[in-house]
mmCIF file of all heavy atoms, coordinates in Angstrom:
data_MODEL
# 
_entry.id   MODEL 
# 
loop_
_atom_site.group_PDB 
_atom_site.id 
_atom_site.type_symbol 
_atom_site.label_atom_id 
_atom_site.label_alt_id 
_atom_site.label_comp_id 
_atom_site.label_asym_id 
_atom_site.label_entity_id 
_atom_site.label_seq_id 
_atom_site.pdbx_PDB_ins_code 
_atom_site.Cartn_x 
_atom_site.Cartn_y 
_atom_site.Cartn_z 
_atom_site.occupancy 
_atom_site.B_iso_or_equiv 
_atom_site.pdbx_formal_charge 
_atom_site.auth_seq_id 
_atom_site.auth_comp_id 
_atom_site.auth_asym_id 
_atom_site.auth_atom_id 
_atom_site.pdbx_PDB_model_num 
ATOM 1   N N   . ASP A 1 1  ? 73.232 113.664 91.095 1.00 0.00 ? 1  ASP A N   1 
ATOM 2   C CA  . ASP A 1 1  ? 71.971 113.488 91.779 1.00 0.00 ? 1  ASP A CA  1 
ATOM 3   C C   . ASP A 1 1  ? 70.875 114.252 91.087 1.00 0.00 ? 1  ASP A C   1 
ATOM 4   O O   . ASP A 1 1  ? 71.047 115.382 90.634 1.00 0.00 ? 1  ASP A O   1 
ATOM 5   C CB  . ASP A 1 1  ? 72.076 113.980 93.221 1.00 0.00 ? 1  ASP A CB  1 
ATOM 6   C CG  . ASP A 1 1  ? 73.017 113.089 94.043 1.00 0.00 ? 1  ASP A CG  1 
ATOM 7   O OD1 . ASP A 1 1  ? 73.148 111.918 93.699 1.00 0.00 ? 1  ASP A OD1 1 
ATOM 8   O OD2 . ASP A 1 1  ? 73.601 113.591 95.008 1.00 0.00 ? 1  ASP A OD2 1 
ATOM 9   N N   . THR A 1 2  ? 69.693 113.646 90.980 1.00 0.00 ? 2  THR A N   1 
ATOM 10  C CA  . THR A 1 2  ? 68.533 114.268 90.374 1.00 0.00 ? 2  THR A CA  1 
ATOM 11  C C   . THR A 1 2  ? 67.712 114.935 91.458 1.00 0.00 ? 2  THR A C   1 
ATOM 12  O O   . THR A 1 2  ? 67.360 114.284 92.437 1.00 0.00 ? 2  THR A O   1 
ATOM 13  C CB  . THR A 1 2  ? 67.684 113.237 89.626 1.00 0.00 ? 2  THR A CB  1 
ATOM 14  O OG1 . THR A 1 2  ? 68.486 112.582 88.659 1.00 0.00 ? 2  THR A OG1 1 
ATOM 15  C CG2 . THR A 1 2  ? 66.494 113.895 88.947 1.00 0.00 ? 2  THR A CG2 1 
ATOM 16  N N   . PRO A 1 3  ? 67.416 116.233 91.372 1.00 0.00 ? 3  PRO A N   1 
ATOM 17  C CA  . PRO A 1 3  ? 66.624 116.900 92.433 1.00 0.00 ? 3  PRO A CA  1 
ATOM 18  C C   . PRO A 1 3  ? 65.236 116.287 92.522 1.00 0.00 ? 3  PRO A C   1 
ATOM 19  O O   . PRO A 1 3  ? 64.630 115.905 91.518 1.00 0.00 ? 3  PRO A O   1 
ATOM 20  C CB  . PRO A 1 3  ? 66.581 118.350 91.934 1.00 0.00 ? 3  PRO A CB  1 
ATOM 21  C CG  . PRO A 1 3  ? 66.878 118.285 90.500 1.00 0.00 ? 3  PRO A CG  1 
ATOM 22  C CD  . PRO A 1 3  ? 67.789 117.133 90.285 1.00 0.00 ? 3  PRO A CD  1 
ATOM 23  N N   . VAL A 1 4  ? 64.754 116.181 93.751 1.00 0.00 ? 4  VAL A N   1 
ATOM 24  C CA  . VAL A 1 4  ? 63.421 115.607 94.006 1.00 0.00 ? 4  VAL A CA  1 
ATOM 25  C C   . VAL A 1 4  ? 62.378 116.674 93.721 1.00 0.00 ? 4  VAL A C   1 
ATOM 26  O O   . VAL A 1 4  ? 62.486 117.808 94.184 1.00 0.00 ? 4  VAL A O   1 
ATOM 27  C CB  . VAL A 1 4  ? 63.295 115.123 95.461 1.00 0.00 ? 4  VAL A CB  1 
ATOM 28  C CG1 . VAL A 1 4  ? 61.874 114.592 95.726 1.00 0.00 ? 4  VAL A CG1 1 
ATOM 29  C CG2 . VAL A 1 4  ? 64.338 114.024 95.711 1.00 0.00 ? 4  VAL A CG2 1 
ATOM 30  N N   . VAL A 1 5  ? 61.353 116.339 92.988 1.00 0.00 ? 5  VAL A N   1 
ATOM 31  C CA  . VAL A 1 5  ? 60.277 117.237 92.659 1.00 0.00 ? 5  VAL A CA  1 
ATOM 32  C C   . VAL A 1 5  ? 59.015 116.747 93.331 1.00 0.00 ? 5  VAL A C   1 
ATOM 33  O O   . VAL A 1 5  ? 58.558 115.632 93.077 1.00 0.00 ? 5  VAL A O   1 
ATOM 34  C CB  . VAL A 1 5  ? 60.059 117.334 91.137 1.00 0.00 ? 5  VAL A CB  1 
ATOM 35  C CG1 . VAL A 1 5  ? 58.924 118.295 90.814 1.00 0.00 ? 5  VAL A CG1 1 
ATOM 36  C CG2 . VAL A 1 5  ? 61.346 117.730 90.430 1.00 0.00 ? 5  VAL A CG2 1 
ATOM 37  N N   . SER A 1 6  ? 58.448 117.502 94.243 1.00 0.00 ? 6  SER A N   1 
ATOM 38  C CA  . SER A 1 6  ? 57.222 117.124 94.939 1.00 0.00 ? 6  SER A CA  1 
ATOM 39  C C   . SER A 1 6  ? 56.034 117.275 94.009 1.00 0.00 ? 6  SER A C   1 
ATOM 40  O O   . SER A 1 6  ? 56.106 117.922 92.962 1.00 0.00 ? 6  SER A O   1 
ATOM 41  C CB  . SER A 1 6  ? 57.016 117.976 96.191 1.00 0.00 ? 6  SER A CB  1 
ATOM 42  O OG  . SER A 1 6  ? 56.798 119.333 95.809 1.00 0.00 ? 6  SER A OG  1 
ATOM 43  N N   . GLU A 1 7  ? 54.915 116.662 94.403 1.00 0.00 ? 7  GLU A N   1 
ATOM 44  C CA  . GLU A 1 7  ? 53.741 116.726 93.575 1.00 0.00 ? 7  GLU A CA  1 
ATOM 45  C C   . GLU A 1 7  ? 53.224 118.150 93.469 1.00 0.00 ? 7  GLU A C   1 
ATOM 46  O O   . GLU A 1 7  ? 52.540 118.508 92.506 1.00 0.00 ? 7  GLU A O   1 
ATOM 47  C CB  . GLU A 1 7  ? 52.645 115.816 94.136 1.00 0.00 ? 7  GLU A CB  1 
ATOM 48  C CG  . GLU A 1 7  ? 52.991 114.345 94.037 1.00 0.00 ? 7  GLU A CG  1 
ATOM 49  C CD  . GLU A 1 7  ? 51.849 113.468 94.442 1.00 0.00 ? 7  GLU A CD  1 
ATOM 50  O OE1 . GLU A 1 7  ? 50.751 113.996 94.695 1.00 0.00 ? 7  GLU A OE1 1 
ATOM 51  O OE2 . GLU A 1 7  ? 52.017 112.248 94.515 1.00 0.00 ? 7  GLU A OE2 1 
ATOM 52  N N   . GLU A 1 8  ? 53.491 118.982 94.538 1.00 0.00 ? 8  GLU A N   1 
ATOM 53  C CA  . GLU A 1 8  ? 53.012 120.355 94.501 1.00 0.00 ? 8  GLU A CA  1 
ATOM 54  C C   . GLU A 1 8  ? 53.903 121.243 93.648 1.00 0.00 ? 8  GLU A C   1 
ATOM 55  O O   . GLU A 1 8  ? 53.503 122.328 93.240 1.00 0.00 ? 8  GLU A O   1 
ATOM 56  C CB  . GLU A 1 8  ? 52.965 120.913 95.948 1.00 0.00 ? 8  GLU A CB  1 
ATOM 57  C CG  . GLU A 1 8  ? 51.885 120.275 96.820 1.00 0.00 ? 8  GLU A CG  1 
ATOM 58  C CD  . GLU A 1 8  ? 52.307 118.906 97.320 1.00 0.00 ? 8  GLU A CD  1 
ATOM 59  O OE1 . GLU A 1 8  ? 53.512 118.586 97.270 1.00 0.00 ? 8  GLU A OE1 1 
ATOM 60  O OE2 . GLU A 1 8  ? 51.464 118.168 97.822 1.00 0.00 ? 8  GLU A OE2 1 
ATOM 61  N N   . SER A 1 9  ? 55.154 120.817 93.412 1.00 0.00 ? 9  SER A N   1 
ATOM 62  C CA  . SER A 1 9  ? 56.086 121.625 92.667 1.00 0.00 ? 9  SER A CA  1 
ATOM 63  C C   . SER A 1 9  ? 55.670 121.712 91.212 1.00 0.00 ? 9  SER A C   1 
ATOM 64  O O   . SER A 1 9  ? 55.239 120.709 90.620 1.00 0.00 ? 9  SER A O   1 
ATOM 65  C CB  . SER A 1 9  ? 57.500 121.053 92.777 1.00 0.00 ? 9  SER A CB  1 
ATOM 66  O OG  . SER A 1 9  ? 57.917 120.965 94.103 1.00 0.00 ? 9  SER A OG  1 
ATOM 67  N N   . PRO A 1 10 ? 55.790 122.873 90.597 1.00 0.00 ? 10 PRO A N   1 
ATOM 68  C CA  . PRO A 1 10 ? 55.442 122.995 89.169 1.00 0.00 ? 10 PRO A CA  1 
ATOM 69  C C   . PRO A 1 10 ? 56.435 122.219 88.313 1.00 0.00 ? 10 PRO A C   1 
ATOM 70  O O   . PRO A 1 10 ? 57.621 122.139 88.629 1.00 0.00 ? 10 PRO A O   1 
ATOM 71  C CB  . PRO A 1 10 ? 55.536 124.502 88.917 1.00 0.00 ? 10 PRO A CB  1 
ATOM 72  C CG  . PRO A 1 10 ? 56.510 125.012 89.959 1.00 0.00 ? 10 PRO A CG  1 
ATOM 73  C CD  . PRO A 1 10 ? 56.240 124.146 91.163 1.00 0.00 ? 10 PRO A CD  1 
ATOM 74  N N   . LYS A 1 11 ? 55.961 121.655 87.222 1.00 0.00 ? 11 LYS A N   1 
ATOM 75  C CA  . LYS A 1 11 ? 56.815 120.948 86.302 1.00 0.00 ? 11 LYS A CA  1 
ATOM 76  C C   . LYS A 1 11 ? 57.726 121.929 85.582 1.00 0.00 ? 11 LYS A C   1 
ATOM 77  O O   . LYS A 1 11 ? 57.331 123.029 85.264 1.00 0.00 ? 11 LYS A O   1 
ATOM 78  C CB  . LYS A 1 11 ? 55.987 120.175 85.270 1.00 0.00 ? 11 LYS A CB  1 
ATOM 79  C CG  . LYS A 1 11 ? 55.176 119.061 85.884 1.00 0.00 ? 11 LYS A CG  1 
ATOM 80  C CD  . LYS A 1 11 ? 54.425 118.279 84.814 1.00 0.00 ? 11 LYS A CD  1 
ATOM 81  C CE  . LYS A 1 11 ? 53.624 117.146 85.429 1.00 0.00 ? 11 LYS A CE  1 
ATOM 82  N NZ  . LYS A 1 11 ? 52.885 116.404 84.382 1.00 0.00 ? 11 LYS A NZ  1 
ATOM 83  N N   . PRO A 1 12 ? 58.997 121.537 85.354 1.00 0.00 ? 12 PRO A N   1 
ATOM 84  C CA  . PRO A 1 12 ? 59.905 122.448 84.672 1.00 0.00 ? 12 PRO A CA  1 
ATOM 85  C C   . PRO A 1 12 ? 59.401 122.772 83.269 1.00 0.00 ? 12 PRO A C   1 
ATOM 86  O O   . PRO A 1 12 ? 58.948 121.913 82.523 1.00 0.00 ? 12 PRO A O   1 
ATOM 87  C CB  . PRO A 1 12 ? 61.211 121.642 84.597 1.00 0.00 ? 12 PRO A CB  1 
ATOM 88  C CG  . PRO A 1 12 ? 60.821 120.233 84.777 1.00 0.00 ? 12 PRO A CG  1 
ATOM 89  C CD  . PRO A 1 12 ? 59.611 120.221 85.636 1.00 0.00 ? 12 PRO A CD  1 
ATOM 90  N N   . GLU A 1 13 ? 59.454 124.044 82.928 1.00 0.00 ? 13 GLU A N   1 
ATOM 91  C CA  . GLU A 1 13 ? 58.995 124.497 81.619 1.00 0.00 ? 13 GLU A CA  1 
ATOM 92  C C   . GLU A 1 13 ? 60.110 124.501 80.610 1.00 0.00 ? 13 GLU A C   1 
ATOM 93  O O   . GLU A 1 13 ? 59.863 124.514 79.401 1.00 0.00 ? 13 GLU A O   1 
ATOM 94  C CB  . GLU A 1 13 ? 58.399 125.898 81.735 1.00 0.00 ? 13 GLU A CB  1 
ATOM 95  C CG  . GLU A 1 13 ? 57.153 125.952 82.639 1.00 0.00 ? 13 GLU A CG  1 
ATOM 96  C CD  . GLU A 1 13 ? 56.586 127.341 82.746 1.00 0.00 ? 13 GLU A CD  1 
ATOM 97  O OE1 . GLU A 1 13 ? 57.161 128.251 82.163 1.00 0.00 ? 13 GLU A OE1 1 
ATOM 98  O OE2 . GLU A 1 13 ? 55.546 127.529 83.441 1.00 0.00 ? 13 GLU A OE2 1 
ATOM 99  N N   . VAL A 1 14 ? 61.348 124.508 81.061 1.00 0.00 ? 14 VAL A N   1 
ATOM 100 C CA  . VAL A 1 14 ? 62.504 124.556 80.164 1.00 0.00 ? 14 VAL A CA  1 
ATOM 101 C C   . VAL A 1 14 ? 63.213 123.223 80.226 1.00 0.00 ? 14 VAL A C   1 
ATOM 102 O O   . VAL A 1 14 ? 63.487 122.706 81.321 1.00 0.00 ? 14 VAL A O   1 
ATOM 103 C CB  . VAL A 1 14 ? 63.476 125.677 80.561 1.00 0.00 ? 14 VAL A CB  1 
ATOM 104 C CG1 . VAL A 1 14 ? 64.630 125.739 79.593 1.00 0.00 ? 14 VAL A CG1 1 
ATOM 105 C CG2 . VAL A 1 14 ? 62.760 127.005 80.588 1.00 0.00 ? 14 VAL A CG2 1 
ATOM 106 N N   . PRO A 1 15 ? 63.526 122.580 79.112 1.00 0.00 ? 15 PRO A N   1 
ATOM 107 C CA  . PRO A 1 15 ? 64.237 121.302 79.106 1.00 0.00 ? 15 PRO A CA  1 
ATOM 108 C C   . PRO A 1 15 ? 65.569 121.414 79.819 1.00 0.00 ? 15 PRO A C   1 
ATOM 109 O O   . PRO A 1 15 ? 66.298 122.367 79.650 1.00 0.00 ? 15 PRO A O   1 
ATOM 110 C CB  . PRO A 1 15 ? 64.414 120.985 77.615 1.00 0.00 ? 15 PRO A CB  1 
ATOM 111 C CG  . PRO A 1 15 ? 63.371 121.796 76.909 1.00 0.00 ? 15 PRO A CG  1 
ATOM 112 C CD  . PRO A 1 15 ? 63.201 123.014 77.740 1.00 0.00 ? 15 PRO A CD  1 
ATOM 113 N N   . LYS A 1 16 ? 65.847 120.374 80.656 1.00 0.00 ? 16 LYS A N   1 
ATOM 114 C CA  . LYS A 1 16 ? 67.123 120.350 81.340 1.00 0.00 ? 16 LYS A CA  1 
ATOM 115 C C   . LYS A 1 16 ? 68.206 119.865 80.413 1.00 0.00 ? 16 LYS A C   1 
ATOM 116 O O   . LYS A 1 16 ? 67.970 119.117 79.475 1.00 0.00 ? 16 LYS A O   1 
ATOM 117 C CB  . LYS A 1 16 ? 67.038 119.414 82.567 1.00 0.00 ? 16 LYS A CB  1 
ATOM 118 C CG  . LYS A 1 16 ? 66.090 119.881 83.630 1.00 0.00 ? 16 LYS A CG  1 
ATOM 119 C CD  . LYS A 1 16 ? 66.113 118.913 84.799 1.00 0.00 ? 16 LYS A CD  1 
ATOM 120 C CE  . LYS A 1 16 ? 65.203 119.386 85.905 1.00 0.00 ? 16 LYS A CE  1 
ATOM 121 N NZ  . LYS A 1 16 ? 65.238 118.458 87.063 1.00 0.00 ? 16 LYS A NZ  1 
ATOM 122 N N   . GLU A 1 17 ? 69.427 120.291 80.690 1.00 0.00 ? 17 GLU A N   1 
ATOM 123 C CA  . GLU A 1 17 ? 70.545 119.802 79.909 1.00 0.00 ? 17 GLU A CA  1 
ATOM 124 C C   . GLU A 1 17 ? 70.747 118.321 80.188 1.00 0.00 ? 17 GLU A C   1 
ATOM 125 O O   . GLU A 1 17 ? 70.751 117.871 81.333 1.00 0.00 ? 17 GLU A O   1 
ATOM 126 C CB  . GLU A 1 17 ? 71.814 120.576 80.244 1.00 0.00 ? 17 GLU A CB  1 
ATOM 127 C CG  . GLU A 1 17 ? 72.999 120.140 79.397 1.00 0.00 ? 17 GLU A CG  1 
ATOM 128 C CD  . GLU A 1 17 ? 74.242 120.971 79.691 1.00 0.00 ? 17 GLU A CD  1 
ATOM 129 O OE1 . GLU A 1 17 ? 74.121 121.946 80.391 1.00 0.00 ? 17 GLU A OE1 1 
ATOM 130 O OE2 . GLU A 1 17 ? 75.306 120.612 79.190 1.00 0.00 ? 17 GLU A OE2 1 
ATOM 131 N N   . VAL A 1 18 ? 70.891 117.539 79.158 1.00 0.00 ? 18 VAL A N   1 
ATOM 132 C CA  . VAL A 1 18 ? 71.058 116.112 79.283 1.00 0.00 ? 18 VAL A CA  1 
ATOM 133 C C   . VAL A 1 18 ? 72.516 115.761 79.463 1.00 0.00 ? 18 VAL A C   1 
ATOM 134 O O   . VAL A 1 18 ? 73.348 116.141 78.672 1.00 0.00 ? 18 VAL A O   1 
ATOM 135 C CB  . VAL A 1 18 ? 70.500 115.362 78.043 1.00 0.00 ? 18 VAL A CB  1 
ATOM 136 C CG1 . VAL A 1 18 ? 70.664 113.868 78.206 1.00 0.00 ? 18 VAL A CG1 1 
ATOM 137 C CG2 . VAL A 1 18 ? 69.035 115.711 77.848 1.00 0.00 ? 18 VAL A CG2 1 
ATOM 138 N N   . SER A 1 19 ? 72.789 115.058 80.541 1.00 0.00 ? 19 SER A N   1 
ATOM 139 C CA  . SER A 1 19 ? 74.158 114.641 80.801 1.00 0.00 ? 19 SER A CA  1 
ATOM 140 C C   . SER A 1 19 ? 74.651 113.674 79.755 1.00 0.00 ? 19 SER A C   1 
ATOM 141 O O   . SER A 1 19 ? 73.882 112.859 79.218 1.00 0.00 ? 19 SER A O   1 
ATOM 142 C CB  . SER A 1 19 ? 74.264 113.971 82.197 1.00 0.00 ? 19 SER A CB  1 
ATOM 143 O OG  . SER A 1 19 ? 75.497 113.354 82.375 1.00 0.00 ? 19 SER A OG  1 
ATOM 144 N N   . LYS A 1 20 ? 75.921 113.740 79.441 1.00 0.00 ? 20 LYS A N   1 
ATOM 145 C CA  . LYS A 1 20 ? 76.507 112.803 78.500 1.00 0.00 ? 20 LYS A CA  1 
ATOM 146 C C   . LYS A 1 20 ? 76.465 111.376 79.057 1.00 0.00 ? 20 LYS A C   1 
ATOM 147 O O   . LYS A 1 20 ? 76.518 110.419 78.298 1.00 0.00 ? 20 LYS A O   1 
ATOM 148 C CB  . LYS A 1 20 ? 77.957 113.166 78.196 1.00 0.00 ? 20 LYS A CB  1 
ATOM 149 C CG  . LYS A 1 20 ? 78.087 114.480 77.436 1.00 0.00 ? 20 LYS A CG  1 
ATOM 150 C CD  . LYS A 1 20 ? 79.535 114.787 77.128 1.00 0.00 ? 20 LYS A CD  1 
ATOM 151 C CE  . LYS A 1 20 ? 79.679 116.111 76.364 1.00 0.00 ? 20 LYS A CE  1 
ATOM 152 N NZ  . LYS A 1 20 ? 81.110 116.420 76.099 1.00 0.00 ? 20 LYS A NZ  1 
ATOM 153 N N   . ASP A 1 21 ? 76.331 111.268 80.373 1.00 0.00 ? 21 ASP A N   1 
ATOM 154 C CA  . ASP A 1 21 ? 76.296 109.950 81.000 1.00 0.00 ? 21 ASP A CA  1 
ATOM 155 C C   . ASP A 1 21 ? 74.869 109.401 81.109 1.00 0.00 ? 21 ASP A C   1 
ATOM 156 O O   . ASP A 1 21 ? 74.656 108.355 81.715 1.00 0.00 ? 21 ASP A O   1 
ATOM 157 C CB  . ASP A 1 21 ? 76.934 110.023 82.395 1.00 0.00 ? 21 ASP A CB  1 
ATOM 158 C CG  . ASP A 1 21 ? 78.397 110.430 82.354 1.00 0.00 ? 21 ASP A CG  1 
ATOM 159 O OD1 . ASP A 1 21 ? 79.103 109.941 81.456 1.00 0.00 ? 21 ASP A OD1 1 
ATOM 160 O OD2 . ASP A 1 21 ? 78.825 111.213 83.208 1.00 0.00 ? 21 ASP A OD2 1 
ATOM 161 N N   . LEU A 1 22 ? 73.876 110.139 80.600 1.00 0.00 ? 22 LEU A N   1 
ATOM 162 C CA  . LEU A 1 22 ? 72.499 109.711 80.696 1.00 0.00 ? 22 LEU A CA  1 
ATOM 163 C C   . LEU A 1 22 ? 72.314 108.373 79.978 1.00 0.00 ? 22 LEU A C   1 
ATOM 164 O O   . LEU A 1 22 ? 72.757 108.189 78.860 1.00 0.00 ? 22 LEU A O   1 
ATOM 165 C CB  . LEU A 1 22 ? 71.591 110.752 80.064 1.00 0.00 ? 22 LEU A CB  1 
ATOM 166 C CG  . LEU A 1 22 ? 70.075 110.469 80.129 1.00 0.00 ? 22 LEU A CG  1 
ATOM 167 C CD1 . LEU A 1 22 ? 69.613 110.398 81.567 1.00 0.00 ? 22 LEU A CD1 1 
ATOM 168 C CD2 . LEU A 1 22 ? 69.308 111.518 79.351 1.00 0.00 ? 22 LEU A CD2 1 
ATOM 169 N N   . LYS A 1 23 ? 71.631 107.438 80.646 1.00 0.00 ? 23 LYS A N   1 
ATOM 170 C CA  . LYS A 1 23 ? 71.380 106.134 80.051 1.00 0.00 ? 23 LYS A CA  1 
ATOM 171 C C   . LYS A 1 23 ? 70.220 106.221 79.095 1.00 0.00 ? 23 LYS A C   1 
ATOM 172 O O   . LYS A 1 23 ? 69.073 106.475 79.476 1.00 0.00 ? 23 LYS A O   1 
ATOM 173 C CB  . LYS A 1 23 ? 71.109 105.107 81.157 1.00 0.00 ? 23 LYS A CB  1 
ATOM 174 C CG  . LYS A 1 23 ? 70.884 103.694 80.661 1.00 0.00 ? 23 LYS A CG  1 
ATOM 175 C CD  . LYS A 1 23 ? 70.714 102.771 81.809 1.00 0.00 ? 23 LYS A CD  1 
ATOM 176 C CE  . LYS A 1 23 ? 70.431 101.333 81.312 1.00 0.00 ? 23 LYS A CE  1 
ATOM 177 N NZ  . LYS A 1 23 ? 71.531 100.763 80.681 1.00 0.00 ? 23 LYS A NZ  1 
ATOM 178 N N   . LEU A 1 24 ? 70.458 106.027 77.840 1.00 0.00 ? 24 LEU A N   1 
ATOM 179 C CA  . LEU A 1 24 ? 69.458 106.050 76.798 1.00 0.00 ? 24 LEU A CA  1 
ATOM 180 C C   . LEU A 1 24 ? 69.418 104.688 76.106 1.00 0.00 ? 24 LEU A C   1 
ATOM 181 O O   . LEU A 1 24 ? 70.419 104.023 75.982 1.00 0.00 ? 24 LEU A O   1 
ATOM 182 C CB  . LEU A 1 24 ? 69.755 107.129 75.761 1.00 0.00 ? 24 LEU A CB  1 
ATOM 183 C CG  . LEU A 1 24 ? 69.819 108.579 76.303 1.00 0.00 ? 24 LEU A CG  1 
ATOM 184 C CD1 . LEU A 1 24 ? 70.309 109.503 75.200 1.00 0.00 ? 24 LEU A CD1 1 
ATOM 185 C CD2 . LEU A 1 24 ? 68.454 109.038 76.776 1.00 0.00 ? 24 LEU A CD2 1 
ATOM 186 N N   . SER A 1 25 ? 68.235 104.310 75.623 1.00 0.00 ? 25 SER A N   1 
ATOM 187 C CA  . SER A 1 25 ? 68.111 103.052 74.883 1.00 0.00 ? 25 SER A CA  1 
ATOM 188 C C   . SER A 1 25 ? 68.775 103.202 73.531 1.00 0.00 ? 25 SER A C   1 
ATOM 189 O O   . SER A 1 25 ? 68.876 104.301 72.991 1.00 0.00 ? 25 SER A O   1 
ATOM 190 C CB  . SER A 1 25 ? 66.648 102.695 74.726 1.00 0.00 ? 25 SER A CB  1 
ATOM 191 O OG  . SER A 1 25 ? 66.001 103.567 73.820 1.00 0.00 ? 25 SER A OG  1 
ATOM 192 N N   . PRO A 1 26 ? 69.186 102.061 72.931 1.00 0.00 ? 26 PRO A N   1 
ATOM 193 C CA  . PRO A 1 26 ? 69.810 102.131 71.601 1.00 0.00 ? 26 PRO A CA  1 
ATOM 194 C C   . PRO A 1 26 ? 68.927 102.775 70.546 1.00 0.00 ? 26 PRO A C   1 
ATOM 195 O O   . PRO A 1 26 ? 69.410 103.494 69.684 1.00 0.00 ? 26 PRO A O   1 
ATOM 196 C CB  . PRO A 1 26 ? 70.085 100.643 71.282 1.00 0.00 ? 26 PRO A CB  1 
ATOM 197 C CG  . PRO A 1 26 ? 70.169 99.971  72.628 1.00 0.00 ? 26 PRO A CG  1 
ATOM 198 C CD  . PRO A 1 26 ? 69.230 100.700 73.500 1.00 0.00 ? 26 PRO A CD  1 
# 
């Protein structure tokens, strides 16, 4: 599950770890 980020919440400053299951384009 991806945590919900409200509009008031600050954007993450540190890149999140990318799951191996993440759907990426070719």
